[in-house]
Amino acid sequence: MFEAEVVAAVQGLEYVIYLVLSELMVEGDSRAVIQNLQEDGDDSSTIRPFIANAHQLSRSLCRCRFMLIGWSRNLAGHAMAFVSQSSSKNRFWVKDAPDLAALATASDCHAIDPP
């Protein structure tokens, strides 16, 4: 499970770099993954090679933040994962996200900053 979350973070970093963007905020609800991404320490966990890759990639951006968010505030991430399960290809939505993901994103935004 941890591997999937950190691989998603690495793929997001790679895509942002490919798009020649300079900033990225990676949000996740796995405390272990986010803590490893936030720290520059060295450990022997199974996700360590992915963490090192993420750190290397993040250094090419002007700003990169890794934020721990609660499961209830990460509905969009879970909706996108659900939609992506129907395909064997990596998917990134910059615009025109599937309706389920767009609705979940709106819900997440309202949870963070109520109208």
N, C-alpha and C. Protein backbone atom coordinates (compact mmCIF):
# COMPACT_ATOMS: atom_id res chain seq x y z
N MET A 1 0.81 -1.18 0.00
CA MET A 1 0.00 0.00 0.00
C MET A 1 0.86 1.26 0.00
N PHE A 2 1.88 1.30 0.84
CA PHE A 2 2.76 2.47 0.88
C PHE A 2 3.44 2.69 -0.47
N GLU A 3 3.82 1.59 -1.11
CA GLU A 3 4.51 1.70 -2.39
C GLU A 3 3.64 2.42 -3.41
N ALA A 4 2.35 2.09 -3.45
CA ALA A 4 1.45 2.71 -4.43
C ALA A 4 1.35 4.21 -4.20
N GLU A 5 1.28 4.62 -2.94
CA GLU A 5 1.15 6.06 -2.66
C GLU A 5 2.42 6.82 -3.02
N VAL A 6 3.57 6.27 -2.72
CA VAL A 6 4.80 6.98 -3.03
C VAL A 6 5.10 6.94 -4.53
N VAL A 7 4.73 5.86 -5.21
CA VAL A 7 4.88 5.80 -6.67
C VAL A 7 3.99 6.86 -7.32
N ALA A 8 2.78 7.03 -6.81
CA ALA A 8 1.89 8.07 -7.34
C ALA A 8 2.51 9.46 -7.16
N ALA A 9 3.14 9.70 -6.03
CA ALA A 9 3.81 10.98 -5.78
C ALA A 9 4.96 11.19 -6.77
N VAL A 10 5.75 10.15 -6.99
CA VAL A 10 6.87 10.24 -7.94
C VAL A 10 6.34 10.50 -9.35
N GLN A 11 5.30 9.80 -9.74
CA GLN A 11 4.74 10.01 -11.08
C GLN A 11 4.17 11.41 -11.22
N GLY A 12 3.56 11.93 -10.17
CA GLY A 12 3.08 13.31 -10.20
C GLY A 12 4.23 14.29 -10.37
N LEU A 13 5.32 14.07 -9.66
CA LEU A 13 6.51 14.92 -9.81
C LEU A 13 7.04 14.86 -11.24
N GLU A 14 7.14 13.67 -11.78
CA GLU A 14 7.64 13.51 -13.16
C GLU A 14 6.75 14.25 -14.15
N TYR A 15 5.45 14.18 -13.94
CA TYR A 15 4.51 14.83 -14.86
C TYR A 15 4.59 16.35 -14.76
N VAL A 16 4.71 16.87 -13.56
CA VAL A 16 4.84 18.32 -13.37
C VAL A 16 6.12 18.82 -14.04
N ILE A 17 7.19 18.06 -13.91
CA ILE A 17 8.45 18.43 -14.55
C ILE A 17 8.31 18.36 -16.07
N TYR A 18 7.65 17.34 -16.57
CA TYR A 18 7.39 17.19 -18.01
C TYR A 18 6.60 18.38 -18.55
N LEU A 19 5.64 18.87 -17.76
CA LEU A 19 4.83 20.02 -18.18
C LEU A 19 5.55 21.35 -18.00
N VAL A 20 6.77 21.30 -17.48
CA VAL A 20 7.61 22.46 -17.23
C VAL A 20 6.91 23.43 -16.26
N LEU A 21 6.32 22.87 -15.23
CA LEU A 21 5.74 23.67 -14.16
C LEU A 21 6.79 23.81 -13.06
N SER A 22 6.62 24.78 -12.19
CA SER A 22 7.67 25.02 -11.20
C SER A 22 7.25 24.72 -9.76
N GLU A 23 5.96 24.48 -9.54
CA GLU A 23 5.49 24.25 -8.17
C GLU A 23 4.57 23.03 -8.12
N LEU A 24 4.59 22.35 -6.99
CA LEU A 24 3.72 21.20 -6.80
C LEU A 24 3.45 21.02 -5.31
N MET A 25 2.20 20.71 -4.99
CA MET A 25 1.85 20.31 -3.64
C MET A 25 1.31 18.89 -3.75
N VAL A 26 1.99 17.97 -3.08
CA VAL A 26 1.56 16.58 -3.04
C VAL A 26 0.82 16.37 -1.74
N GLU A 27 -0.44 15.96 -1.84
CA GLU A 27 -1.24 15.69 -0.65
C GLU A 27 -1.46 14.20 -0.55
N GLY A 28 -1.37 13.69 0.66
CA GLY A 28 -1.61 12.27 0.87
C GLY A 28 -2.11 12.01 2.27
N ASP A 29 -2.76 10.87 2.44
CA ASP A 29 -3.30 10.54 3.76
C ASP A 29 -2.53 9.41 4.45
N SER A 30 -1.38 9.05 3.89
CA SER A 30 -0.53 8.05 4.52
C SER A 30 0.57 8.77 5.30
N ARG A 31 0.45 8.74 6.62
CA ARG A 31 1.41 9.44 7.47
C ARG A 31 2.84 8.98 7.20
N ALA A 32 3.05 7.68 7.05
CA ALA A 32 4.40 7.16 6.84
C ALA A 32 5.01 7.68 5.54
N VAL A 33 4.22 7.71 4.49
CA VAL A 33 4.73 8.18 3.19
C VAL A 33 5.03 9.67 3.26
N ILE A 34 4.09 10.46 3.76
CA ILE A 34 4.29 11.91 3.80
C ILE A 34 5.46 12.27 4.70
N GLN A 35 5.58 11.62 5.86
CA GLN A 35 6.72 11.91 6.74
C GLN A 35 8.04 11.60 6.04
N ASN A 36 8.10 10.48 5.34
CA ASN A 36 9.32 10.14 4.61
C ASN A 36 9.61 11.14 3.50
N LEU A 37 8.56 11.63 2.84
CA LEU A 37 8.76 12.62 1.78
C LEU A 37 9.20 13.97 2.36
N GLN A 38 8.72 14.31 3.55
CA GLN A 38 9.07 15.58 4.17
C GLN A 38 10.48 15.59 4.74
N GLU A 39 10.97 14.44 5.16
CA GLU A 39 12.28 14.35 5.80
C GLU A 39 13.33 13.94 4.78
N ASP A 40 14.54 14.35 5.04
CA ASP A 40 15.64 14.00 4.15
C ASP A 40 16.53 12.93 4.79
N GLY A 41 15.98 12.24 5.78
CA GLY A 41 16.74 11.23 6.49
C GLY A 41 16.94 9.97 5.67
N ASP A 42 17.67 9.05 6.22
CA ASP A 42 17.96 7.80 5.54
C ASP A 42 17.43 6.66 6.40
N ASP A 43 16.65 5.79 5.81
CA ASP A 43 16.16 4.63 6.55
C ASP A 43 16.21 3.41 5.63
N SER A 44 15.80 2.29 6.14
CA SER A 44 15.89 1.05 5.36
C SER A 44 14.52 0.53 4.96
N SER A 45 13.52 1.41 4.89
CA SER A 45 12.18 0.96 4.53
C SER A 45 12.13 0.53 3.07
N THR A 46 11.10 -0.22 2.73
CA THR A 46 10.96 -0.71 1.35
C THR A 46 10.66 0.40 0.37
N ILE A 47 10.16 1.54 0.86
CA ILE A 47 9.85 2.65 -0.04
C ILE A 47 11.01 3.63 -0.20
N ARG A 48 12.13 3.37 0.49
CA ARG A 48 13.26 4.30 0.48
C ARG A 48 13.74 4.66 -0.93
N PRO A 49 13.87 3.72 -1.87
CA PRO A 49 14.33 4.12 -3.22
C PRO A 49 13.36 5.09 -3.89
N PHE A 50 12.06 4.91 -3.66
CA PHE A 50 11.07 5.81 -4.24
C PHE A 50 11.15 7.18 -3.58
N ILE A 51 11.35 7.19 -2.28
CA ILE A 51 11.48 8.45 -1.54
C ILE A 51 12.70 9.22 -2.05
N ALA A 52 13.81 8.53 -2.22
CA ALA A 52 15.03 9.18 -2.73
C ALA A 52 14.79 9.76 -4.12
N ASN A 53 14.08 9.02 -4.96
CA ASN A 53 13.75 9.50 -6.30
C ASN A 53 12.87 10.75 -6.21
N ALA A 54 11.88 10.73 -5.32
CA ALA A 54 11.00 11.89 -5.14
C ALA A 54 11.80 13.11 -4.69
N HIS A 55 12.72 12.91 -3.75
CA HIS A 55 13.55 14.02 -3.28
C HIS A 55 14.38 14.60 -4.42
N GLN A 56 14.96 13.73 -5.22
CA GLN A 56 15.78 14.19 -6.34
C GLN A 56 14.92 14.99 -7.34
N LEU A 57 13.76 14.48 -7.67
CA LEU A 57 12.87 15.16 -8.60
C LEU A 57 12.39 16.50 -8.04
N SER A 58 12.06 16.52 -6.75
CA SER A 58 11.53 17.75 -6.15
C SER A 58 12.55 18.88 -6.15
N ARG A 59 13.82 18.54 -6.15
CA ARG A 59 14.86 19.57 -6.17
C ARG A 59 14.90 20.35 -7.49
N SER A 60 14.29 19.81 -8.53
CA SER A 60 14.28 20.53 -9.81
C SER A 60 13.11 21.52 -9.92
N LEU A 61 12.27 21.56 -8.88
CA LEU A 61 11.16 22.51 -8.86
C LEU A 61 11.51 23.70 -7.98
N CYS A 62 10.88 24.83 -8.25
CA CYS A 62 11.08 26.01 -7.40
C CYS A 62 10.48 25.78 -6.02
N ARG A 63 9.33 25.11 -6.00
CA ARG A 63 8.65 24.86 -4.73
C ARG A 63 7.92 23.53 -4.81
N CYS A 64 8.15 22.70 -3.80
CA CYS A 64 7.46 21.42 -3.72
C CYS A 64 7.16 21.15 -2.25
N ARG A 65 5.88 20.90 -1.95
CA ARG A 65 5.46 20.63 -0.57
C ARG A 65 4.76 19.29 -0.52
N PHE A 66 4.98 18.59 0.57
CA PHE A 66 4.32 17.31 0.82
C PHE A 66 3.46 17.51 2.05
N MET A 67 2.15 17.36 1.90
CA MET A 67 1.20 17.67 2.97
C MET A 67 0.40 16.44 3.37
N LEU A 68 0.34 16.20 4.66
CA LEU A 68 -0.51 15.14 5.20
C LEU A 68 -1.91 15.70 5.38
N ILE A 69 -2.87 15.04 4.78
CA ILE A 69 -4.27 15.45 4.96
C ILE A 69 -5.06 14.24 5.40
N GLY A 70 -6.10 14.47 6.14
CA GLY A 70 -6.93 13.37 6.62
C GLY A 70 -7.71 12.71 5.50
N TRP A 71 -8.09 11.47 5.71
CA TRP A 71 -8.82 10.71 4.70
C TRP A 71 -10.08 11.46 4.27
N SER A 72 -10.76 12.07 5.22
CA SER A 72 -12.02 12.76 4.90
C SER A 72 -11.78 14.00 4.04
N ARG A 73 -10.57 14.52 4.01
CA ARG A 73 -10.23 15.67 3.16
C ARG A 73 -9.53 15.25 1.90
N ASN A 74 -9.48 13.94 1.63
CA ASN A 74 -8.80 13.43 0.45
C ASN A 74 -9.76 12.64 -0.44
N LEU A 75 -11.00 13.07 -0.47
CA LEU A 75 -11.99 12.37 -1.29
C LEU A 75 -11.63 12.41 -2.77
N ALA A 76 -11.06 13.52 -3.22
CA ALA A 76 -10.69 13.63 -4.63
C ALA A 76 -9.63 12.60 -5.00
N GLY A 77 -8.64 12.44 -4.13
CA GLY A 77 -7.60 11.44 -4.39
C GLY A 77 -8.16 10.03 -4.48
N HIS A 78 -9.08 9.72 -3.58
CA HIS A 78 -9.68 8.39 -3.60
C HIS A 78 -10.60 8.21 -4.81
N ALA A 79 -11.29 9.28 -5.21
CA ALA A 79 -12.15 9.20 -6.40
C ALA A 79 -11.31 8.99 -7.65
N MET A 80 -10.18 9.69 -7.75
CA MET A 80 -9.31 9.53 -8.92
C MET A 80 -8.71 8.12 -8.95
N ALA A 81 -8.35 7.60 -7.80
CA ALA A 81 -7.81 6.23 -7.75
C ALA A 81 -8.88 5.24 -8.18
N PHE A 82 -10.12 5.45 -7.77
CA PHE A 82 -11.22 4.56 -8.14
C PHE A 82 -11.43 4.59 -9.66
N VAL A 83 -11.46 5.79 -10.24
CA VAL A 83 -11.65 5.93 -11.69
C VAL A 83 -10.49 5.30 -12.44
N SER A 84 -9.27 5.48 -11.94
CA SER A 84 -8.07 4.96 -12.61
C SER A 84 -7.98 3.43 -12.60
N GLN A 85 -8.67 2.78 -11.68
CA GLN A 85 -8.59 1.32 -11.59
C GLN A 85 -9.12 0.64 -12.84
N SER A 86 -9.94 1.35 -13.61
CA SER A 86 -10.52 0.74 -14.81
C SER A 86 -9.57 0.79 -16.00
N SER A 87 -8.37 1.32 -15.81
CA SER A 87 -7.41 1.44 -16.91
C SER A 87 -6.04 0.95 -16.47
N SER A 88 -5.31 0.39 -17.41
CA SER A 88 -3.95 -0.05 -17.10
C SER A 88 -2.93 1.05 -17.35
N LYS A 89 -3.37 2.20 -17.88
CA LYS A 89 -2.48 3.32 -18.16
C LYS A 89 -2.47 4.30 -16.99
N ASN A 90 -1.35 5.02 -16.84
CA ASN A 90 -1.29 6.11 -15.87
C ASN A 90 -2.19 7.22 -16.38
N ARG A 91 -2.88 7.88 -15.46
CA ARG A 91 -3.76 8.97 -15.84
C ARG A 91 -3.46 10.19 -15.00
N PHE A 92 -3.43 11.33 -15.68
CA PHE A 92 -3.26 12.61 -15.01
C PHE A 92 -4.30 13.56 -15.58
N TRP A 93 -5.05 14.19 -14.71
CA TRP A 93 -6.06 15.13 -15.17
C TRP A 93 -5.61 16.53 -14.83
N VAL A 94 -5.36 17.32 -15.86
CA VAL A 94 -5.00 18.70 -15.66
C VAL A 94 -6.27 19.54 -15.78
N LYS A 95 -7.11 19.17 -16.72
CA LYS A 95 -8.41 19.78 -16.91
C LYS A 95 -9.39 18.66 -17.21
N ASP A 96 -10.65 18.96 -17.10
CA ASP A 96 -11.70 18.01 -17.46
C ASP A 96 -11.58 16.67 -16.74
N ALA A 97 -11.48 16.74 -15.44
CA ALA A 97 -11.43 15.51 -14.63
C ALA A 97 -12.78 14.80 -14.71
N PRO A 98 -12.80 13.50 -14.49
CA PRO A 98 -14.07 12.78 -14.48
C PRO A 98 -15.02 13.39 -13.44
N ASP A 99 -16.32 13.30 -13.70
CA ASP A 99 -17.32 13.92 -12.83
C ASP A 99 -17.13 13.52 -11.37
N LEU A 100 -16.87 12.23 -11.11
CA LEU A 100 -16.70 11.76 -9.74
C LEU A 100 -15.55 12.49 -9.05
N ALA A 101 -14.45 12.66 -9.76
CA ALA A 101 -13.29 13.35 -9.19
C ALA A 101 -13.57 14.84 -9.02
N ALA A 102 -14.26 15.45 -9.96
CA ALA A 102 -14.59 16.88 -9.86
C ALA A 102 -15.50 17.15 -8.66
N LEU A 103 -16.50 16.29 -8.46
CA LEU A 103 -17.40 16.45 -7.31
C LEU A 103 -16.65 16.27 -5.99
N ALA A 104 -15.76 15.28 -5.95
CA ALA A 104 -14.98 15.04 -4.73
C ALA A 104 -14.04 16.21 -4.45
N THR A 105 -13.47 16.79 -5.50
CA THR A 105 -12.59 17.95 -5.33
C THR A 105 -13.37 19.13 -4.74
N ALA A 106 -14.57 19.36 -5.26
CA ALA A 106 -15.41 20.44 -4.73
C ALA A 106 -15.73 20.19 -3.25
N SER A 107 -16.00 18.94 -2.91
CA SER A 107 -16.28 18.59 -1.52
C SER A 107 -15.06 18.82 -0.64
N ASP A 108 -13.89 18.43 -1.13
CA ASP A 108 -12.65 18.67 -0.38
C ASP A 108 -12.42 20.16 -0.16
N CYS A 109 -12.65 20.97 -1.19
CA CYS A 109 -12.45 22.41 -1.08
C CYS A 109 -13.39 23.02 -0.06
N HIS A 110 -14.64 22.56 -0.06
CA HIS A 110 -15.61 23.08 0.92
C HIS A 110 -15.24 22.66 2.34
N ALA A 111 -14.64 21.50 2.49
CA ALA A 111 -14.22 21.04 3.83
C ALA A 111 -13.08 21.90 4.36
N ILE A 112 -12.21 22.34 3.45
CA ILE A 112 -11.05 23.15 3.84
C ILE A 112 -11.46 24.61 4.06
N ASP A 113 -12.27 25.13 3.14
CA ASP A 113 -12.66 26.54 3.18
C ASP A 113 -14.16 26.65 2.92
N PRO A 114 -14.99 26.47 3.95
CA PRO A 114 -16.45 26.50 3.76
C PRO A 114 -16.92 27.84 3.17
N PRO A 115 -17.99 27.77 2.35
CA PRO A 115 -18.49 29.01 1.72
C PRO A 115 -19.08 29.97 2.75
